[in-house]
Amino acid sequence: MRDKYTKEIRVLRKIYNQEGTKAFQDAVNMHWNAFYPLFESCARPRAPHTTPCLTQVKRGGPVSNTAFGEQFTRQIRNDPRIPDSPEKITHPDQLRVFAEYQRQMDRMAEGEKRA
């Protein structure tokens, strides 16, 4: 699947392959802080940054619920593939789960628009 998530993973993988782990982690942190597609918030509509991203949902706390309901929030919290902070993302293969959940949120948000 070629989409904005795949494109972002390719960019970050290239950094990892050419410049190493430290440069990769710096790039991930920059993408996370700038709300790049892989690290968009779990919000409705998909643009605002009023709800946490996947790592913040995973970590839990008072502002860690998604806009997609309790079941989806629990699914994220229980997924062992999601780290609880962007600093724990050390390899490009870890980014697949972020793309998977972002696509799922895109589909849920699109379904709500049609309803």
N, C-alpha and C. Protein backbone atom coordinates (compact mmCIF):
# COMPACT_ATOMS: atom_id res chain seq x y z
N MET A 1 0.84 -1.17 0.00
CA MET A 1 0.00 0.00 0.00
C MET A 1 0.89 1.24 0.00
N ARG A 2 0.62 2.11 -0.94
CA ARG A 2 1.38 3.36 -1.01
C ARG A 2 0.48 4.50 -0.57
N ASP A 3 0.83 5.08 0.55
CA ASP A 3 0.07 6.21 1.07
C ASP A 3 1.03 7.10 1.86
N LYS A 4 0.49 8.11 2.52
CA LYS A 4 1.35 9.05 3.24
C LYS A 4 2.11 8.36 4.37
N TYR A 5 1.57 7.29 4.92
CA TYR A 5 2.26 6.57 6.00
C TYR A 5 3.44 5.77 5.46
N THR A 6 3.21 5.10 4.34
CA THR A 6 4.29 4.36 3.70
C THR A 6 5.41 5.30 3.28
N LYS A 7 5.04 6.44 2.74
CA LYS A 7 6.04 7.43 2.32
C LYS A 7 6.88 7.89 3.52
N GLU A 8 6.22 8.17 4.64
CA GLU A 8 6.96 8.62 5.82
C GLU A 8 7.88 7.52 6.35
N ILE A 9 7.41 6.29 6.35
CA ILE A 9 8.26 5.18 6.79
C ILE A 9 9.48 5.06 5.89
N ARG A 10 9.29 5.22 4.58
CA ARG A 10 10.43 5.15 3.65
C ARG A 10 11.47 6.23 3.95
N VAL A 11 10.99 7.44 4.22
CA VAL A 11 11.90 8.55 4.54
C VAL A 11 12.69 8.22 5.81
N LEU A 12 12.00 7.76 6.83
CA LEU A 12 12.68 7.45 8.10
C LEU A 12 13.60 6.24 7.98
N ARG A 13 13.19 5.25 7.19
CA ARG A 13 14.06 4.07 6.97
C ARG A 13 15.35 4.49 6.24
N LYS A 14 15.22 5.39 5.29
CA LYS A 14 16.40 5.87 4.56
C LYS A 14 17.37 6.55 5.52
N ILE A 15 16.84 7.36 6.42
CA ILE A 15 17.69 8.01 7.42
C ILE A 15 18.38 6.96 8.28
N TYR A 16 17.64 5.95 8.70
CA TYR A 16 18.21 4.88 9.51
C TYR A 16 19.33 4.16 8.76
N ASN A 17 19.07 3.81 7.50
CA ASN A 17 20.05 3.07 6.70
C ASN A 17 21.28 3.89 6.37
N GLN A 18 21.11 5.18 6.13
CA GLN A 18 22.24 6.01 5.70
C GLN A 18 22.97 6.69 6.86
N GLU A 19 22.24 7.00 7.93
CA GLU A 19 22.85 7.80 8.99
C GLU A 19 22.88 7.13 10.36
N GLY A 20 22.17 6.02 10.51
CA GLY A 20 22.23 5.27 11.76
C GLY A 20 21.09 5.55 12.74
N THR A 21 21.16 4.83 13.84
CA THR A 21 20.10 4.84 14.84
C THR A 21 19.87 6.22 15.46
N LYS A 22 20.93 6.91 15.82
CA LYS A 22 20.78 8.21 16.48
C LYS A 22 20.08 9.21 15.57
N ALA A 23 20.49 9.28 14.32
CA ALA A 23 19.85 10.19 13.36
C ALA A 23 18.39 9.79 13.13
N PHE A 24 18.14 8.48 13.10
CA PHE A 24 16.77 7.98 12.95
C PHE A 24 15.91 8.43 14.13
N GLN A 25 16.43 8.24 15.34
CA GLN A 25 15.66 8.64 16.53
C GLN A 25 15.42 10.15 16.56
N ASP A 26 16.39 10.91 16.16
CA ASP A 26 16.21 12.37 16.08
C ASP A 26 15.11 12.72 15.08
N ALA A 27 15.11 12.04 13.95
CA ALA A 27 14.09 12.29 12.92
C ALA A 27 12.71 11.88 13.42
N VAL A 28 12.62 10.73 14.10
CA VAL A 28 11.34 10.29 14.66
C VAL A 28 10.82 11.34 15.65
N ASN A 29 11.69 11.82 16.52
CA ASN A 29 11.27 12.84 17.49
C ASN A 29 10.81 14.11 16.80
N MET A 30 11.48 14.50 15.74
CA MET A 30 11.08 15.69 14.99
C MET A 30 9.70 15.46 14.36
N HIS A 31 9.49 14.28 13.76
CA HIS A 31 8.20 13.96 13.15
C HIS A 31 7.11 13.92 14.22
N TRP A 32 7.42 13.34 15.37
CA TRP A 32 6.45 13.24 16.46
C TRP A 32 6.06 14.64 16.95
N ASN A 33 7.03 15.49 17.17
CA ASN A 33 6.77 16.84 17.67
C ASN A 33 6.01 17.70 16.66
N ALA A 34 6.16 17.41 15.39
CA ALA A 34 5.51 18.20 14.34
C ALA A 34 4.20 17.56 13.85
N PHE A 35 3.76 16.48 14.51
CA PHE A 35 2.51 15.79 14.17
C PHE A 35 2.49 15.29 12.72
N TYR A 36 3.62 14.74 12.27
CA TYR A 36 3.64 14.14 10.94
C TYR A 36 2.63 12.99 10.92
N PRO A 37 2.22 12.51 9.74
CA PRO A 37 1.13 11.54 9.64
C PRO A 37 1.21 10.32 10.56
N LEU A 38 2.37 9.72 10.71
CA LEU A 38 2.46 8.54 11.58
C LEU A 38 2.15 8.87 13.04
N PHE A 39 2.29 10.12 13.40
CA PHE A 39 2.15 10.51 14.81
C PHE A 39 1.01 11.50 15.02
N GLU A 40 0.04 11.48 14.11
CA GLU A 40 -1.13 12.34 14.29
C GLU A 40 -1.88 11.90 15.54
N SER A 41 -2.65 12.84 16.09
CA SER A 41 -3.42 12.52 17.29
C SER A 41 -4.57 11.59 16.96
N CYS A 42 -5.08 10.97 17.98
CA CYS A 42 -6.20 10.03 17.85
C CYS A 42 -7.50 10.83 17.98
N ALA A 43 -7.68 11.80 17.08
CA ALA A 43 -8.77 12.77 17.18
C ALA A 43 -9.76 12.66 16.04
N ARG A 44 -10.90 13.31 16.26
CA ARG A 44 -11.91 13.53 15.24
C ARG A 44 -12.15 15.02 15.19
N PRO A 45 -12.22 15.68 14.06
CA PRO A 45 -11.69 15.17 12.80
C PRO A 45 -10.20 14.90 12.94
N ARG A 46 -9.62 14.30 11.95
CA ARG A 46 -8.26 13.79 12.05
C ARG A 46 -7.21 14.90 12.17
N ALA A 47 -7.53 16.13 11.89
CA ALA A 47 -6.53 17.20 11.90
C ALA A 47 -6.17 17.76 13.28
N PRO A 48 -7.12 18.07 14.16
CA PRO A 48 -6.75 18.76 15.41
C PRO A 48 -5.83 17.93 16.31
N HIS A 49 -5.10 18.63 17.13
CA HIS A 49 -4.16 17.98 18.05
C HIS A 49 -4.66 18.13 19.49
N THR A 50 -5.95 17.83 19.66
CA THR A 50 -6.56 17.98 20.97
C THR A 50 -6.58 16.69 21.76
N THR A 51 -6.24 15.60 21.13
CA THR A 51 -6.17 14.31 21.80
C THR A 51 -4.78 13.73 21.60
N PRO A 52 -4.42 12.74 22.39
CA PRO A 52 -3.06 12.22 22.34
C PRO A 52 -2.78 11.38 21.10
N CYS A 53 -1.49 11.17 20.87
CA CYS A 53 -1.06 10.26 19.81
C CYS A 53 -1.00 8.85 20.40
N LEU A 54 -0.62 7.87 19.59
CA LEU A 54 -0.60 6.48 20.03
C LEU A 54 0.31 6.25 21.24
N THR A 55 1.49 6.87 21.26
CA THR A 55 2.40 6.64 22.39
C THR A 55 1.81 7.20 23.68
N GLN A 56 1.11 8.32 23.59
CA GLN A 56 0.50 8.90 24.78
C GLN A 56 -0.70 8.09 25.24
N VAL A 57 -1.46 7.53 24.31
CA VAL A 57 -2.56 6.64 24.68
C VAL A 57 -1.99 5.41 25.37
N LYS A 58 -0.94 4.85 24.82
CA LYS A 58 -0.30 3.67 25.39
C LYS A 58 0.16 3.93 26.82
N ARG A 59 0.74 5.09 27.05
CA ARG A 59 1.27 5.45 28.36
C ARG A 59 0.15 5.61 29.39
N GLY A 60 -1.02 6.02 28.95
CA GLY A 60 -2.14 6.21 29.87
C GLY A 60 -2.08 7.56 30.55
N GLY A 61 -2.95 7.76 31.50
CA GLY A 61 -3.01 9.03 32.20
C GLY A 61 -4.32 9.74 31.97
N PRO A 62 -4.48 10.90 32.56
CA PRO A 62 -5.77 11.60 32.53
C PRO A 62 -6.22 12.09 31.15
N VAL A 63 -5.31 12.34 30.25
CA VAL A 63 -5.70 12.81 28.90
C VAL A 63 -5.23 11.83 27.84
N SER A 64 -5.51 10.55 28.06
CA SER A 64 -4.97 9.55 27.15
C SER A 64 -6.03 8.73 26.45
N ASN A 65 -7.23 9.23 26.35
CA ASN A 65 -8.26 8.51 25.62
C ASN A 65 -8.31 8.97 24.17
N THR A 66 -8.63 8.03 23.30
CA THR A 66 -8.79 8.39 21.90
C THR A 66 -10.18 8.97 21.70
N ALA A 67 -10.42 9.54 20.55
CA ALA A 67 -11.74 10.03 20.20
C ALA A 67 -12.58 8.92 19.57
N PHE A 68 -12.05 7.70 19.54
CA PHE A 68 -12.73 6.59 18.89
C PHE A 68 -13.28 5.56 19.86
N GLY A 69 -13.45 5.94 21.11
CA GLY A 69 -14.11 5.07 22.07
C GLY A 69 -13.18 4.26 22.95
N GLU A 70 -13.79 3.73 24.00
CA GLU A 70 -13.04 2.98 25.02
C GLU A 70 -12.43 1.70 24.48
N GLN A 71 -13.15 0.98 23.64
CA GLN A 71 -12.64 -0.28 23.11
C GLN A 71 -11.37 -0.05 22.28
N PHE A 72 -11.39 0.97 21.44
CA PHE A 72 -10.22 1.28 20.62
C PHE A 72 -9.06 1.74 21.50
N THR A 73 -9.36 2.54 22.52
CA THR A 73 -8.32 2.98 23.45
C THR A 73 -7.68 1.78 24.14
N ARG A 74 -8.50 0.83 24.60
CA ARG A 74 -7.96 -0.39 25.25
C ARG A 74 -7.12 -1.21 24.28
N GLN A 75 -7.57 -1.27 23.03
CA GLN A 75 -6.81 -2.01 22.01
C GLN A 75 -5.40 -1.45 21.88
N ILE A 76 -5.28 -0.14 21.84
CA ILE A 76 -3.97 0.51 21.74
C ILE A 76 -3.14 0.23 22.98
N ARG A 77 -3.74 0.41 24.15
CA ARG A 77 -3.00 0.22 25.40
C ARG A 77 -2.51 -1.21 25.57
N ASN A 78 -3.26 -2.17 25.02
CA ASN A 78 -2.89 -3.57 25.17
C ASN A 78 -1.99 -4.09 24.06
N ASP A 79 -1.69 -3.27 23.07
CA ASP A 79 -0.86 -3.71 21.95
C ASP A 79 0.61 -3.59 22.33
N PRO A 80 1.30 -4.72 22.47
CA PRO A 80 2.70 -4.68 22.90
C PRO A 80 3.65 -4.07 21.87
N ARG A 81 3.19 -3.88 20.65
CA ARG A 81 4.05 -3.31 19.61
C ARG A 81 4.20 -1.80 19.72
N ILE A 82 3.32 -1.16 20.47
CA ILE A 82 3.34 0.30 20.57
C ILE A 82 4.16 0.70 21.80
N PRO A 83 5.22 1.47 21.60
CA PRO A 83 6.00 1.95 22.76
C PRO A 83 5.25 3.08 23.45
N ASP A 84 5.63 3.35 24.70
CA ASP A 84 4.94 4.40 25.44
C ASP A 84 5.61 5.77 25.31
N SER A 85 6.62 5.86 24.47
CA SER A 85 7.23 7.16 24.17
C SER A 85 7.97 7.06 22.84
N PRO A 86 8.07 8.18 22.12
CA PRO A 86 8.77 8.13 20.83
C PRO A 86 10.26 7.80 20.98
N GLU A 87 10.82 8.07 22.15
CA GLU A 87 12.25 7.76 22.37
C GLU A 87 12.53 6.26 22.31
N LYS A 88 11.49 5.45 22.47
CA LYS A 88 11.65 4.00 22.44
C LYS A 88 11.50 3.42 21.04
N ILE A 89 11.34 4.29 20.06
CA ILE A 89 11.29 3.85 18.66
C ILE A 89 12.72 3.88 18.14
N THR A 90 13.30 2.69 17.98
CA THR A 90 14.71 2.60 17.64
C THR A 90 14.98 1.94 16.29
N HIS A 91 13.93 1.47 15.61
CA HIS A 91 14.11 0.79 14.33
C HIS A 91 12.91 1.06 13.44
N PRO A 92 13.12 1.23 12.14
CA PRO A 92 12.02 1.52 11.23
C PRO A 92 10.90 0.49 11.24
N ASP A 93 11.20 -0.77 11.53
CA ASP A 93 10.16 -1.80 11.54
C ASP A 93 9.09 -1.50 12.59
N GLN A 94 9.43 -0.76 13.62
CA GLN A 94 8.46 -0.40 14.65
C GLN A 94 7.40 0.57 14.13
N LEU A 95 7.65 1.21 13.02
CA LEU A 95 6.73 2.21 12.50
C LEU A 95 5.50 1.61 11.83
N ARG A 96 5.58 0.34 11.47
CA ARG A 96 4.45 -0.31 10.80
C ARG A 96 3.17 -0.25 11.63
N VAL A 97 3.32 -0.44 12.93
CA VAL A 97 2.13 -0.43 13.79
C VAL A 97 1.50 0.96 13.83
N PHE A 98 2.31 2.01 13.74
CA PHE A 98 1.77 3.36 13.71
C PHE A 98 0.96 3.57 12.44
N ALA A 99 1.47 3.09 11.31
CA ALA A 99 0.74 3.19 10.05
C ALA A 99 -0.56 2.39 10.12
N GLU A 100 -0.49 1.21 10.68
CA GLU A 100 -1.67 0.35 10.81
C GLU A 100 -2.79 1.06 11.59
N TYR A 101 -2.45 1.63 12.73
CA TYR A 101 -3.47 2.31 13.54
C TYR A 101 -3.95 3.61 12.89
N GLN A 102 -3.04 4.35 12.26
CA GLN A 102 -3.46 5.59 11.59
C GLN A 102 -4.44 5.29 10.46
N ARG A 103 -4.17 4.23 9.71
CA ARG A 103 -5.09 3.84 8.63
C ARG A 103 -6.45 3.42 9.20
N GLN A 104 -6.40 2.70 10.31
CA GLN A 104 -7.64 2.28 10.95
C GLN A 104 -8.45 3.50 11.41
N MET A 105 -7.79 4.49 12.00
CA MET A 105 -8.49 5.70 12.43
C MET A 105 -9.02 6.48 11.23
N ASP A 106 -8.26 6.50 10.14
CA ASP A 106 -8.74 7.15 8.92
C ASP A 106 -10.03 6.50 8.44
N ARG A 107 -10.05 5.16 8.43
CA ARG A 107 -11.25 4.44 7.97
C ARG A 107 -12.44 4.70 8.90
N MET A 108 -12.18 4.70 10.21
CA MET A 108 -13.28 4.96 11.15
C MET A 108 -13.82 6.38 10.97
N ALA A 109 -12.93 7.34 10.83
CA ALA A 109 -13.37 8.73 10.65
C ALA A 109 -14.12 8.89 9.33
N GLU A 110 -13.67 8.23 8.28
CA GLU A 110 -14.35 8.31 6.99
C GLU A 110 -15.74 7.66 7.08
N GLY A 111 -15.83 6.55 7.79
CA GLY A 111 -17.11 5.89 7.97
C GLY A 111 -18.11 6.77 8.70
N GLU A 112 -17.63 7.54 9.66
CA GLU A 112 -18.51 8.43 10.41
C GLU A 112 -19.01 9.57 9.52
N LYS A 113 -18.17 10.02 8.61
CA LYS A 113 -18.58 11.10 7.70
C LYS A 113 -19.75 10.65 6.82
N ARG A 114 -19.70 9.38 6.40
CA ARG A 114 -20.73 8.84 5.52
C ARG A 114 -22.04 8.57 6.25
N ALA A 115 -21.95 8.29 7.52
CA ALA A 115 -23.16 7.93 8.30
C ALA A 115 -24.05 9.11 8.56
